[in-house]
C-alpha atoms as a PDB file:
ATOM      1  CA  MET A   1       4.124   8.472   0.627  1.00  0.00           C
ATOM      2  CA  MET A   2       2.260   8.349   3.849  1.00  0.00           C
ATOM      3  CA  THR A   3       0.329   5.200   4.552  1.00  0.00           C
ATOM      4  CA  ARG A   4      -3.343   4.953   5.428  1.00  0.00           C
ATOM      5  CA  VAL A   5      -5.861   2.599   7.014  1.00  0.00           C
ATOM      6  CA  ASN A   6      -9.593   1.902   7.067  1.00  0.00           C
ATOM      7  CA  SER A   7     -11.268   3.153  10.263  1.00  0.00           C
ATOM      8  CA  GLU A   8     -13.711   0.238  10.465  1.00  0.00           C
ATOM      9  CA  VAL A   9     -10.922  -2.238   9.865  1.00  0.00           C
ATOM     10  CA  MET A  10      -8.587  -0.673  12.419  1.00  0.00           C
ATOM     11  CA  SER A  11     -11.323  -0.496  15.049  1.00  0.00           C
ATOM     12  CA  LYS A  12     -11.085  -4.275  15.227  1.00  0.00           C
ATOM     13  CA  ILE A  13      -7.987  -5.787  16.744  1.00  0.00           C
ATOM     14  CA  ILE A  14      -7.270  -8.939  14.795  1.00  0.00           C
ATOM     15  CA  SER A  15      -6.547 -12.152  16.600  1.00  0.00           C
ATOM     16  CA  ALA A  16      -2.806 -12.597  16.645  1.00  0.00           C
ATOM     17  CA  ASP A  17      -3.280 -16.331  16.102  1.00  0.00           C
ATOM     18  CA  TYR A  18      -4.851 -16.111  12.649  1.00  0.00           C
ATOM     19  CA  CYS A  19      -3.429 -15.218   9.251  1.00  0.00           C
ATOM     20  CA  PRO A  20      -5.160 -12.112   7.824  1.00  0.00           C
ATOM     21  CA  LEU A  21      -5.257 -13.736   4.361  1.00  0.00           C
ATOM     22  CA  CYS A  22      -6.449 -17.299   4.986  1.00  0.00           C
ATOM     23  CA  SER A  23      -7.471 -17.273   8.686  1.00  0.00           C
ATOM     24  CA  ARG A  24      -5.128 -20.193   9.293  1.00  0.00           C
ATOM     25  CA  VAL A  25      -3.938 -20.585  12.886  1.00  0.00           C
ATOM     26  CA  THR A  26      -0.326 -19.446  13.169  1.00  0.00           C
ATOM     27  CA  ARG A  27       2.262 -19.039  15.884  1.00  0.00           C
ATOM     28  CA  PRO A  28       4.863 -16.333  16.602  1.00  0.00           C
ATOM     29  CA  VAL A  29       8.281 -16.882  15.071  1.00  0.00           C
ATOM     30  CA  PHE A  30      10.096 -14.090  16.939  1.00  0.00           C
ATOM     31  CA  GLN A  31       9.570 -10.767  18.733  1.00  0.00           C
ATOM     32  CA  VAL A  32      10.455  -7.256  17.634  1.00  0.00           C
ATOM     33  CA  GLN A  33      11.126  -4.081  19.578  1.00  0.00           C
ATOM     34  CA  GLY A  34       8.328  -1.537  19.319  1.00  0.00           C
ATOM     35  CA  SER A  35       8.702   2.224  19.353  1.00  0.00           C
ATOM     36  CA  VAL A  36       8.447   2.289  23.150  1.00  0.00           C
ATOM     37  CA  PRO A  37      11.583   0.921  24.878  1.00  0.00           C
ATOM     38  CA  GLY A  38      10.871  -2.444  26.463  1.00  0.00           C
ATOM     39  CA  HIS A  39       7.708  -2.972  24.417  1.00  0.00           C
ATOM     40  CA  PHE A  40       7.909  -6.036  22.172  1.00  0.00           C
ATOM     41  CA  LEU A  41       5.483  -7.359  19.580  1.00  0.00           C
ATOM     42  CA  ASN A  42       5.131 -10.850  18.165  1.00  0.00           C
ATOM     43  CA  VAL A  43       5.758 -11.440  14.467  1.00  0.00           C
ATOM     44  CA  TYR A  44       3.732 -14.301  12.999  1.00  0.00           C
ATOM     45  CA  HIS A  45       4.330 -16.234   9.789  1.00  0.00           C
ATOM     46  CA  CYS A  46       1.764 -18.136   7.751  1.00  0.00           C
ATOM     47  CA  HIS A  47       3.559 -20.852   5.799  1.00  0.00           C
ATOM     48  CA  GLN A  48       0.539 -21.424   3.600  1.00  0.00           C
ATOM     49  CA  CYS A  49       0.303 -17.780   2.449  1.00  0.00           C
ATOM     50  CA  SER A  50       3.960 -16.802   2.870  1.00  0.00           C
ATOM     51  CA  ALA A  51       2.785 -13.764   4.844  1.00  0.00           C
ATOM     52  CA  HIS A  52       4.256 -12.231   7.995  1.00  0.00           C
ATOM     53  CA  PHE A  53       2.131 -10.048  10.252  1.00  0.00           C
ATOM     54  CA  THR A  54       1.918  -8.398  13.664  1.00  0.00           C
ATOM     55  CA  ALA A  55      -1.060  -7.457  15.817  1.00  0.00           C
ATOM     56  CA  PRO A  56      -0.432  -4.119  17.565  1.00  0.00           C
ATOM     57  CA  LEU A  57      -2.966  -1.807  19.105  1.00  0.00           C
ATOM     58  CA  ARG A  58      -4.782   0.680  16.875  1.00  0.00           C
ATOM     59  CA  PHE A  59      -2.527   3.382  15.463  1.00  0.00           C
ATOM     60  CA  ASP A  60      -3.989   6.885  15.092  1.00  0.00           C
ATOM     61  CA  TYR A  61      -3.060   7.996  11.577  1.00  0.00           C
ATOM     62  CA  GLU A  62      -5.534  10.865  11.664  1.00  0.00           C
ATOM     63  CA  THR A  63      -3.425  13.019  13.972  1.00  0.00           C
ATOM     64  CA  TYR A  64      -0.042  11.413  13.269  1.00  0.00           C
ATOM     65  CA  ASP A  65       0.512  13.601  10.188  1.00  0.00           C
ATOM     66  CA  GLU A  66       1.106  16.926  11.966  1.00  0.00           C
ATOM     67  CA  ASP A  67       4.795  17.116  11.023  1.00  0.00           C
ATOM     68  CA  LEU A  68       4.542  15.431   7.638  1.00  0.00           C
ATOM     69  CA  ILE A  69       4.040  18.547   5.536  1.00  0.00           C
ATOM     70  CA  THR A  70       7.686  19.432   6.138  1.00  0.00           C
ATOM     71  CA  TYR A  71       8.690  15.935   5.051  1.00  0.00           C
ATOM     72  CA  TYR A  72       6.638  16.076   1.868  1.00  0.00           C
ATOM     73  CA  GLU A  73       7.851  19.534   0.910  1.00  0.00           C
ATOM     74  CA  ALA A  74      11.482  18.517   1.497  1.00  0.00           C
ATOM     75  CA  HIS A  75      11.070  15.487  -0.770  1.00  0.00           C
ATOM     76  CA  ARG A  76       8.690  17.076  -3.273  1.00  0.00           C
ATOM     77  CA  ASP A  77      10.968  16.809  -6.316  1.00  0.00           C
ATOM     78  CA  TYR A  78      11.741  13.155  -5.653  1.00  0.00           C
ATOM     79  CA  ILE A  79       8.073  12.246  -5.128  1.00  0.00           C
ATOM     80  CA  LEU A  80       7.010  14.065  -8.292  1.00  0.00           C
ATOM     81  CA  TRP A  81       9.824  12.350 -10.224  1.00  0.00           C
ATOM     82  CA  ARG A  82       8.692   8.945  -8.973  1.00  0.00           C
ATOM     83  CA  HIS A  83       5.055   9.460  -9.930  1.00  0.00           C
ATOM     84  CA  ASN A  84       6.027  10.789 -13.335  1.00  0.00           C
ATOM     85  CA  LEU A  85       7.976   7.568 -13.927  1.00  0.00           C
ATOM     86  CA  ILE A  86       4.946   5.528 -12.889  1.00  0.00           C
ATOM     87  CA  PHE A  87       2.637   7.434 -15.245  1.00  0.00           C
ATOM     88  CA  ASP A  88       5.188   7.021 -18.031  1.00  0.00           C
ATOM     89  CA  TYR A  89       5.184   3.284 -17.391  1.00  0.00           C
ATOM     90  CA  LEU A  90       1.373   3.123 -17.415  1.00  0.00           C
ATOM     91  CA  GLY A  91       1.395   4.756 -20.827  1.00  0.00           C
ATOM     92  CA  ALA A  92       4.116   2.502 -22.230  1.00  0.00           C
ATOM     93  CA  ALA A  93       2.869  -0.786 -20.765  1.00  0.00           C
ATOM     94  CA  PHE A  94      -0.905  -0.320 -20.889  1.00  0.00           C
ATOM     95  CA  GLY A  95      -1.508   2.574 -23.268  1.00  0.00           C
ATOM     96  CA  MET A  96      -2.986   4.656 -20.440  1.00  0.00           C
ATOM     97  CA  GLU A  97      -2.376   8.312 -21.276  1.00  0.00           C
ATOM     98  CA  CYS A  98      -5.404   9.873 -19.610  1.00  0.00           C
ATOM     99  CA  GLY A  99      -8.514   8.924 -17.636  1.00  0.00           C
ATOM    100  CA  ARG A 100      -9.870   8.865 -14.098  1.00  0.00           C
ATOM    101  CA  PHE A 101      -7.329   8.564 -11.288  1.00  0.00           C
ATOM    102  CA  LEU A 102      -7.974   7.671  -7.652  1.00  0.00           C
ATOM    103  CA  ASP A 103      -5.273   7.674  -4.962  1.00  0.00           C
ATOM    104  CA  ILE A 104      -6.298   6.009  -1.691  1.00  0.00           C
ATOM    105  CA  GLY A 105      -3.927   7.515   0.858  1.00  0.00           C
ATOM    106  CA  SER A 106      -3.011  10.535  -1.250  1.00  0.00           C
ATOM    107  CA  GLY A 107      -0.841  12.265   1.366  1.00  0.00           C
ATOM    108  CA  ALA A 108       0.145  15.761   0.258  1.00  0.00           C
ATOM    109  CA  GLY A 109      -1.455  15.179  -3.127  1.00  0.00           C
ATOM    110  CA  TYR A 110       1.686  15.080  -5.268  1.00  0.00           C
ATOM    111  CA  SER A 111       0.440  12.088  -7.256  1.00  0.00           C
ATOM    112  CA  LEU A 112      -2.717  14.085  -7.990  1.00  0.00           C
ATOM    113  CA  GLU A 113      -0.575  17.002  -9.126  1.00  0.00           C
ATOM    114  CA  VAL A 114       1.293  14.821 -11.621  1.00  0.00           C
ATOM    115  CA  ALA A 115      -1.928  13.269 -12.903  1.00  0.00           C
ATOM    116  CA  ALA A 116      -3.750  16.599 -13.265  1.00  0.00           C
ATOM    117  CA  LYS A 117      -0.900  18.083 -15.301  1.00  0.00           C
ATOM    118  CA  ARG A 118      -1.228  15.119 -17.665  1.00  0.00           C
ATOM    119  CA  GLY A 119      -4.938  15.730 -18.121  1.00  0.00           C
ATOM    120  CA  TRP A 120      -6.343  13.101 -15.769  1.00  0.00           C
ATOM    121  CA  TYR A 121      -9.463  13.579 -13.657  1.00  0.00           C
ATOM    122  CA  VAL A 122      -8.129  13.226 -10.113  1.00  0.00           C
ATOM    123  CA  GLN A 123      -9.571  12.155  -6.776  1.00  0.00           C
ATOM    124  CA  GLY A 124      -7.814  11.459  -3.489  1.00  0.00           C
ATOM    125  CA  VAL A 125      -8.731   9.996  -0.103  1.00  0.00           C
ATOM    126  CA  GLU A 126      -6.670  11.132   2.870  1.00  0.00           C
ATOM    127  CA  PRO A 127      -7.445  10.592   6.593  1.00  0.00           C
ATOM    128  CA  GLY A 128      -4.671  12.758   8.035  1.00  0.00           C
ATOM    129  CA  ASN A 129      -6.054  16.092   9.227  1.00  0.00           C
ATOM    130  CA  THR A 130      -3.109  18.267   8.206  1.00  0.00           C
ATOM    131  CA  LEU A 131      -2.384  16.459   4.947  1.00  0.00           C
ATOM    132  CA  ALA A 132      -6.030  16.473   3.884  1.00  0.00           C
ATOM    133  CA  GLU A 133      -6.361  20.220   4.487  1.00  0.00           C
ATOM    134  CA  TYR A 134      -3.074  20.863   2.670  1.00  0.00           C
ATOM    135  CA  SER A 135      -4.024  18.803  -0.384  1.00  0.00           C
ATOM    136  CA  GLN A 136      -7.644  19.965  -0.505  1.00  0.00           C
ATOM    137  CA  LYS A 137      -6.498  23.558  -0.951  1.00  0.00           C
ATOM    138  CA  ARG A 138      -4.111  22.565  -3.725  1.00  0.00           C
ATOM    139  CA  HIS A 139      -6.631  20.431  -5.618  1.00  0.00           C
ATOM    140  CA  ASN A 140      -9.882  22.371  -5.329  1.00  0.00           C
ATOM    141  CA  GLY A 141     -11.468  19.982  -2.863  1.00  0.00           C
ATOM    142  CA  ARG A 142     -10.738  16.859  -4.904  1.00  0.00           C
ATOM    143  CA  VAL A 143      -9.492  15.141  -1.742  1.00  0.00           C
ATOM    144  CA  ILE A 144     -11.900  13.406   0.634  1.00  0.00           C
ATOM    145  CA  HIS A 145     -10.876  13.750   4.265  1.00  0.00           C
ATOM    146  CA  GLY A 146     -11.402  10.455   6.059  1.00  0.00           C
ATOM    147  CA  TYR A 147     -10.331   6.846   6.339  1.00  0.00           C
ATOM    148  CA  PHE A 148     -11.230   4.718   3.340  1.00  0.00           C
ATOM    149  CA  SER A 149     -14.511   3.126   4.421  1.00  0.00           C
ATOM    150  CA  PRO A 150     -17.654   1.544   2.916  1.00  0.00           C
ATOM    151  CA  ASP A 151     -19.363   4.954   2.982  1.00  0.00           C
ATOM    152  CA  ILE A 152     -16.509   6.666   1.144  1.00  0.00           C
ATOM    153  CA  SER A 153     -16.301   3.767  -1.295  1.00  0.00           C
ATOM    154  CA  ALA A 154     -20.025   4.067  -2.007  1.00  0.00           C
ATOM    155  CA  SER A 155     -19.795   7.824  -2.571  1.00  0.00           C
ATOM    156  CA  LEU A 156     -16.868   7.369  -4.968  1.00  0.00           C
ATOM    157  CA  GLN A 157     -18.758   4.707  -6.866  1.00  0.00           C
ATOM    158  CA  ALA A 158     -21.824   6.924  -7.103  1.00  0.00           C
ATOM    159  CA  ALA A 159     -19.701   9.801  -8.414  1.00  0.00           C
ATOM    160  CA  ASN A 160     -17.996   7.584 -11.018  1.00  0.00           C
ATOM    161  CA  PRO A 161     -20.201   4.571 -11.837  1.00  0.00           C
ATOM    162  CA  ALA A 162     -17.846   3.470 -14.615  1.00  0.00           C
ATOM    163  CA  GLY A 163     -14.975   3.235 -12.124  1.00  0.00           C
ATOM    164  CA  TYR A 164     -11.438   4.571 -12.096  1.00  0.00           C
ATOM    165  CA  ASP A 165      -8.945   3.817 -14.860  1.00  0.00           C
ATOM    166  CA  TYR A 166      -5.938   4.061 -12.550  1.00  0.00           C
ATOM    167  CA  LEU A 167      -6.265   3.173  -8.878  1.00  0.00           C
ATOM    168  CA  LEU A 168      -3.227   3.789  -6.673  1.00  0.00           C
ATOM    169  CA  ILE A 169      -2.684   2.212  -3.244  1.00  0.00           C
ATOM    170  CA  ASP A 170       0.806   3.429  -2.467  1.00  0.00           C
ATOM    171  CA  ASN A 171       2.473   2.187   0.733  1.00  0.00           C
ATOM    172  CA  VAL A 172      -0.893   1.622   2.341  1.00  0.00           C
ATOM    173  CA  LEU A 173      -1.586  -2.095   2.350  1.00  0.00           C
ATOM    174  CA  GLU A 174       1.160  -2.911   4.840  1.00  0.00           C
ATOM    175  CA  HIS A 175      -0.812  -0.861   7.395  1.00  0.00           C
ATOM    176  CA  ILE A 176      -4.115  -2.699   6.926  1.00  0.00           C
ATOM    177  CA  SER A 177      -4.988  -5.319   9.534  1.00  0.00           C
ATOM    178  CA  GLU A 178      -7.795  -6.804   7.389  1.00  0.00           C
ATOM    179  CA  PRO A 179      -6.379  -6.610   3.856  1.00  0.00           C
ATOM    180  CA  VAL A 180      -9.037  -8.800   2.232  1.00  0.00           C
ATOM    181  CA  VAL A 181     -11.850  -6.432   3.227  1.00  0.00           C
ATOM    182  CA  PHE A 182      -9.842  -3.339   2.336  1.00  0.00           C
ATOM    183  CA  MET A 183      -8.779  -4.576  -1.095  1.00  0.00           C
ATOM    184  CA  GLU A 184     -12.241  -5.877  -1.934  1.00  0.00           C
ATOM    185  CA  GLN A 185     -13.691  -2.398  -1.331  1.00  0.00           C
ATOM    186  CA  ALA A 186     -10.861  -0.668  -3.197  1.00  0.00           C
ATOM    187  CA  LEU A 187     -10.837  -2.911  -6.268  1.00  0.00           C
ATOM    188  CA  SER A 188     -14.608  -2.638  -6.620  1.00  0.00           C
ATOM    189  CA  LEU A 189     -13.903   0.945  -7.786  1.00  0.00           C
ATOM    190  CA  LEU A 190     -11.710  -0.223 -10.664  1.00  0.00           C
ATOM    191  CA  ALA A 191     -12.969   0.462 -14.198  1.00  0.00           C
ATOM    192  CA  GLU A 192     -13.530  -2.478 -16.523  1.00  0.00           C
ATOM    193  CA  GLN A 193     -10.273  -1.851 -18.380  1.00  0.00           C
ATOM    194  CA  GLY A 194      -8.566  -0.156 -15.448  1.00  0.00           C
ATOM    195  CA  ILE A 195      -5.288  -0.865 -13.706  1.00  0.00           C
ATOM    196  CA  ALA A 196      -4.665  -0.863  -9.968  1.00  0.00           C
ATOM    197  CA  LEU A 197      -1.159  -0.375  -8.634  1.00  0.00           C
ATOM    198  CA  VAL A 198      -0.377  -1.545  -5.121  1.00  0.00           C
ATOM    199  CA  ALA A 199       3.069  -0.511  -3.886  1.00  0.00           C
ATOM    200  CA  ILE A 200       4.301  -2.071  -0.647  1.00  0.00           C
ATOM    201  CA  PRO A 201       7.708  -2.555   0.995  1.00  0.00           C
ATOM    202  CA  PRO A 202       9.480  -5.271  -1.013  1.00  0.00           C
ATOM    203  CA  VAL A 203       9.426  -8.704   0.616  1.00  0.00           C
ATOM    204  CA  ASP A 204      11.779 -11.291  -0.813  1.00  0.00           C
ATOM    205  CA  TRP A 205      14.100 -14.031   0.449  1.00  0.00           C
ATOM    206  CA  LEU A 206      16.946 -11.637   1.287  1.00  0.00           C
ATOM    207  CA  ARG A 207      14.819  -9.155   3.247  1.00  0.00           C
ATOM    208  CA  VAL A 208      13.123 -11.940   5.161  1.00  0.00           C
ATOM    209  CA  LEU A 209      16.525 -13.494   5.909  1.00  0.00           C
ATOM    210  CA  LEU A 210      17.914 -10.178   7.159  1.00  0.00           C
ATOM    211  CA  GLY A 211      14.729  -9.309   9.041  1.00  0.00           C
ATOM    212  CA  ARG A 212      14.810 -12.592  10.916  1.00  0.00           C
ATOM    213  CA  ASN A 213      18.342 -11.909  12.135  1.00  0.00           C
ATOM    214  CA  ASN A 214      18.366 -10.825  15.786  1.00  0.00           C
ATOM    215  CA  TRP A 215      21.289  -8.417  15.336  1.00  0.00           C
ATOM    216  CA  VAL A 216      19.691  -6.688  12.329  1.00  0.00           C
ATOM    217  CA  ARG A 217      16.405  -6.218  14.175  1.00  0.00           C
ATOM    218  CA  ALA A 218      18.155  -4.893  17.270  1.00  0.00           C
ATOM    219  CA  HIS A 219      20.528  -2.443  15.584  1.00  0.00           C
ATOM    220  CA  CYS A 220      19.223  -1.519  12.137  1.00  0.00           C
ATOM    221  CA  ARG A 221      16.414   0.990  11.595  1.00  0.00           C
ATOM    222  CA  SER A 222      16.742   1.074   7.812  1.00  0.00           C
ATOM    223  CA  ALA A 223      13.760  -0.287   5.890  1.00  0.00           C
ATOM    224  CA  GLN A 224      16.137  -1.571   3.216  1.00  0.00           C
ATOM    225  CA  PHE A 225      17.669  -4.092   5.628  1.00  0.00           C
ATOM    226  CA  ASN A 226      15.306  -4.471   8.585  1.00  0.00           C
ATOM    227  CA  LEU A 227      11.931  -5.518   7.204  1.00  0.00           C
ATOM    228  CA  PHE A 228      10.363  -5.423  10.687  1.00  0.00           C
ATOM    229  CA  TYR A 229      11.638  -1.992  11.753  1.00  0.00           C
ATOM    230  CA  ASP A 230       8.170  -0.457  12.331  1.00  0.00           C
ATOM    231  CA  PRO A 231       5.910  -3.197  13.738  1.00  0.00           C
ATOM    232  CA  GLU A 232       3.232  -0.880  15.168  1.00  0.00           C
ATOM    233  CA  GLN A 233       2.438   0.585  11.754  1.00  0.00           C
ATOM    234  CA  HIS A 234       3.553  -2.157   9.376  1.00  0.00           C
ATOM    235  CA  VAL A 235       1.159  -4.886  10.436  1.00  0.00           C
ATOM    236  CA  ASN A 236       1.610  -7.174   7.431  1.00  0.00           C
ATOM    237  CA  TYR A 237       4.443  -8.103   5.076  1.00  0.00           C
ATOM    238  CA  PHE A 238       3.333  -9.680   1.799  1.00  0.00           C
ATOM    239  CA  SER A 239       5.576 -11.541  -0.624  1.00  0.00           C
ATOM    240  CA  ARG A 240       4.513 -11.979  -4.271  1.00  0.00           C
ATOM    241  CA  ARG A 241       3.090 -15.366  -3.334  1.00  0.00           C
ATOM    242  CA  ALA A 242       1.031 -13.741  -0.577  1.00  0.00           C
ATOM    243  CA  MET A 243      -0.163 -11.004  -2.938  1.00  0.00           C
ATOM    244  CA  ARG A 244      -1.207 -13.595  -5.500  1.00  0.00           C
ATOM    245  CA  ARG A 245      -3.197 -15.429  -2.858  1.00  0.00           C
ATOM    246  CA  LEU A 246      -4.911 -12.198  -1.817  1.00  0.00           C
ATOM    247  CA  ILE A 247      -5.640 -10.805  -5.278  1.00  0.00           C
ATOM    248  CA  GLU A 248      -6.372 -13.942  -7.272  1.00  0.00           C
ATOM    249  CA  GLN A 249      -7.551 -16.619  -4.862  1.00  0.00           C
ATOM    250  CA  ARG A 250      -9.417 -14.495  -2.346  1.00  0.00           C
ATOM    251  CA  LEU A 251     -10.727 -11.683  -4.560  1.00  0.00           C
ATOM    252  CA  GLY A 252     -10.808 -13.111  -8.088  1.00  0.00           C
ATOM    253  CA  TYR A 253      -8.803 -10.381  -9.798  1.00  0.00           C
ATOM    254  CA  THR A 254      -5.686 -10.838 -11.931  1.00  0.00           C
ATOM    255  CA  LEU A 255      -2.199 -10.067 -10.674  1.00  0.00           C
ATOM    256  CA  LEU A 256      -0.319  -9.059 -13.811  1.00  0.00           C
ATOM    257  CA  PRO A 257       3.247 -10.263 -14.450  1.00  0.00           C
ATOM    258  CA  ASN A 258       4.541  -6.714 -15.093  1.00  0.00           C
ATOM    259  CA  ARG A 259       7.702  -5.832 -13.217  1.00  0.00           C
ATOM    260  CA  PHE A 260       8.476  -2.199 -12.422  1.00  0.00           C
ATOM    261  CA  HIS A 261      10.541  -0.186  -9.992  1.00  0.00           C
ATOM    262  CA  HIS A 262      11.503   3.467 -10.086  1.00  0.00           C
ATOM    263  CA  SER A 263      15.074   2.679  -9.009  1.00  0.00           C
ATOM    264  CA  ARG A 264      17.645   0.994 -11.248  1.00  0.00           C
ATOM    265  CA  ILE A 265      18.909  -0.869  -8.203  1.00  0.00           C
ATOM    266  CA  LEU A 266      15.833  -3.111  -8.280  1.00  0.00           C
ATOM    267  CA  GLU A 267      14.956  -2.727 -11.957  1.00  0.00           C
ATOM    268  CA  ASN A 268      17.779  -4.511 -13.749  1.00  0.00           C
ATOM    269  CA  PRO A 269      18.645  -8.034 -14.986  1.00  0.00           C
ATOM    270  CA  LEU A 270      20.798  -8.845 -11.944  1.00  0.00           C
ATOM    271  CA  ALA A 271      17.970  -7.999  -9.529  1.00  0.00           C
ATOM    272  CA  ARG A 272      15.652 -10.260 -11.502  1.00  0.00           C
ATOM    273  CA  LEU A 273      18.228 -13.056 -11.550  1.00  0.00           C
ATOM    274  CA  LEU A 274      18.629 -12.813  -7.774  1.00  0.00           C
ATOM    275  CA  ARG A 275      14.828 -12.815  -7.408  1.00  0.00           C
ATOM    276  CA  PHE A 276      14.713  -9.513  -5.584  1.00  0.00           C
ATOM    277  CA  GLU A 277      11.200  -8.130  -5.258  1.00  0.00           C
ATOM    278  CA  THR A 278      10.215  -4.619  -6.363  1.00  0.00           C
ATOM    279  CA  GLY A 279       7.113  -4.191  -4.191  1.00  0.00           C
ATOM    280  CA  TYR A 280       5.040  -2.977  -7.164  1.00  0.00           C
ATOM    281  CA  PHE A 281       1.967  -5.039  -8.089  1.00  0.00           C
ATOM    282  CA  PHE A 282      -0.314  -4.324 -11.054  1.00  0.00           C
ATOM    283  CA  ILE A 283      -3.872  -5.633 -10.883  1.00  0.00           C
ATOM    284  CA  THR A 284      -6.740  -5.819 -13.343  1.00  0.00           C
ATOM    285  CA  ARG A 285     -10.184  -7.363 -13.423  1.00  0.00           C
ATOM    286  CA  SER A 286     -10.529 -11.025 -14.303  1.00  0.00           C
ATOM    287  CA  THR A 287     -13.493 -12.667 -15.993  1.00  0.00           C
ATOM    288  CA  ARG A 288     -14.995 -13.410 -12.584  1.00  0.00           C
ATOM    289  CA  LYS A 289     -15.238  -9.713 -11.688  1.00  0.00           C
ATOM    290  CA  VAL A 290     -17.557  -8.042 -14.192  1.00  0.00           C
END
């Protein structure tokens, strides 16, 4: 699932000294190798928010997707399987069998395909040129080409004043340099009884421990072990504590206690006992957001 960013947000380079959640002054805890040999980036940690973040230059996601169609088509069955599991869970946990579905960062549109087959009204937002064209053809124009922005948010709200019943932000938030602004705009599109799902790379004690190891960072390019393997694109790393601070304290929504993962490796009693994180976060409106 290709990740996406807000053009207005990414046009601003955040100060590397301030936490993107609480604006608290922080300091670098270590450096990581970037994609260019010899280019290193600082990784910062906010103890108050339990958030790690970097501050790279703007990454151009609009043209980066030229070779991604091949990737999506090669992994089509797996991606469809994953989204079917998610929709099954929405039905079992929340009684959501049909409604209005919005995917911010919809990639090749496979989530929209799953939703449409189940009878949902679908809408996607995709900034990548190639991916947007690909998915627009497959979904009769139900994909907006562009970065998620205040203008796009306003047009979506005008088209669906009641909001969206299921809002998906799938492997997107870790690419957003100003997550408070982005999530405030996104969650404003949530229906009164709707559910938002934010899926991000899991951040727990083990991944942080491994990611802080110099040898792991230098030699491991696997996202399962090296949390900081892609510092130019993954600009923030949010634990559950950080997500709760963002969703509940900053924005006034409710972070639900539901635990879900599509893989049995992370969705089992042992994983819960060891306090491994799944990276899936379910959000709904609270009484302060009406």
